[in-house]
Protein backbone atom coordinates (compact mmCIF):
# COMPACT_ATOMS: atom_id res chain seq x y z
CA UNK A 1 116.07 166.13 157.90
CA UNK A 2 114.19 163.95 155.51
CA UNK A 3 112.88 161.60 158.20
CA UNK A 4 111.46 164.51 160.21
CA UNK A 5 109.78 165.94 157.14
CA UNK A 6 108.30 162.59 156.45
CA UNK A 7 106.95 162.30 160.06
CA UNK A 8 105.50 165.80 159.80
CA UNK A 9 103.80 165.10 156.48
CA UNK A 10 102.59 161.61 157.88
CA UNK A 11 101.17 163.32 160.95
CA UNK A 12 99.23 165.87 158.76
CA UNK A 13 97.92 163.09 156.59
CA UNK A 14 96.92 161.10 159.62
CA UNK A 15 95.08 164.12 161.06
CA UNK A 16 93.17 164.85 157.76
CA UNK A 17 92.16 161.01 157.73
CA UNK A 18 91.07 161.19 161.36
CA UNK A 19 88.99 164.47 160.58
CA UNK A 20 87.38 162.81 157.43
CA UNK A 21 86.29 159.71 159.42
CA UNK A 22 85.43 161.67 162.48
CA UNK A 23 87.92 159.70 164.66
CA UNK A 24 90.50 162.55 164.86
CA UNK A 25 89.56 163.22 168.46
CA UNK A 26 90.34 159.98 169.87
CA UNK A 27 93.76 159.57 167.98
CA UNK A 28 97.03 160.98 169.38
CA UNK A 29 99.96 162.52 167.64
CA UNK A 30 101.65 159.16 167.47
CA UNK A 31 98.56 157.49 166.05
CA UNK A 32 98.24 160.18 163.48
CA UNK A 33 101.77 159.95 162.32
CA UNK A 34 101.47 156.01 162.24
CA UNK A 35 98.14 156.25 160.32
CA UNK A 36 99.63 158.73 157.92
CA UNK A 37 102.82 156.80 157.24
CA UNK A 38 101.10 153.35 156.94
CA UNK A 39 98.16 154.82 155.11
CA UNK A 40 100.55 156.50 152.61
CA UNK A 41 102.04 153.06 151.90
CA UNK A 42 98.77 151.39 151.48
CA UNK A 43 97.25 154.30 149.29
CA UNK A 44 100.28 154.39 147.07
CA UNK A 45 100.47 150.65 146.58
CA UNK A 46 96.81 150.50 145.72
CA UNK A 47 96.45 153.72 143.65
CA UNK A 48 99.93 154.59 142.55
CA UNK A 49 101.89 157.88 142.80
CA UNK A 50 99.74 160.39 141.04
CA UNK A 51 98.91 163.84 142.15
CA UNK A 52 101.08 166.28 144.16
CA UNK A 53 103.90 164.77 146.11
CA UNK A 54 105.41 165.94 149.33
CA UNK A 55 108.16 164.28 151.28
CA UNK A 56 108.14 161.32 148.74
CA UNK A 57 104.31 160.75 149.43
CA UNK A 58 101.72 161.29 146.85
CA UNK A 59 99.16 163.35 148.83
CA UNK A 60 95.89 162.16 147.41
CA UNK A 61 96.63 158.38 147.37
CA UNK A 62 98.03 158.70 150.73
CA UNK A 63 95.06 160.49 152.23
CA UNK A 64 92.73 157.87 150.71
CA UNK A 65 94.95 154.97 152.07
CA UNK A 66 94.97 156.57 155.57
CA UNK A 67 91.29 156.93 155.56
CA UNK A 68 90.81 153.34 154.77
CA UNK A 69 93.28 152.37 157.30
CA UNK A 70 91.62 154.64 160.18
CA UNK A 71 88.23 153.20 159.07
CA UNK A 72 89.25 149.57 159.16
CA UNK A 73 91.09 150.01 162.55
CA UNK A 74 88.19 152.01 164.24
CA UNK A 75 85.80 149.27 162.99
CA UNK A 76 87.75 146.58 164.69
CA UNK A 77 89.12 148.43 167.83
CA UNK A 78 86.50 151.31 168.21
CA UNK A 79 84.59 151.77 171.34
CA UNK A 80 81.02 150.27 171.35
CA UNK A 81 78.51 152.99 172.45
């Protein structure tokens, strides 16, 4: 059950990061979950475990890390208009 809860929270964090960077429309559910989980690891390693925590992820550093990840990935792999 812990894995499912982590995937749900990771998906929500990824969706929030996509909404903040205006890239949420181009990301699917799997990309949101991956961005949330990897962004959580990045944010917590850079910023620590401060703030509220859900499913073992500190929410504020996780969102910041996911925003950084989505911005970097969209910079390199984003569609040129």
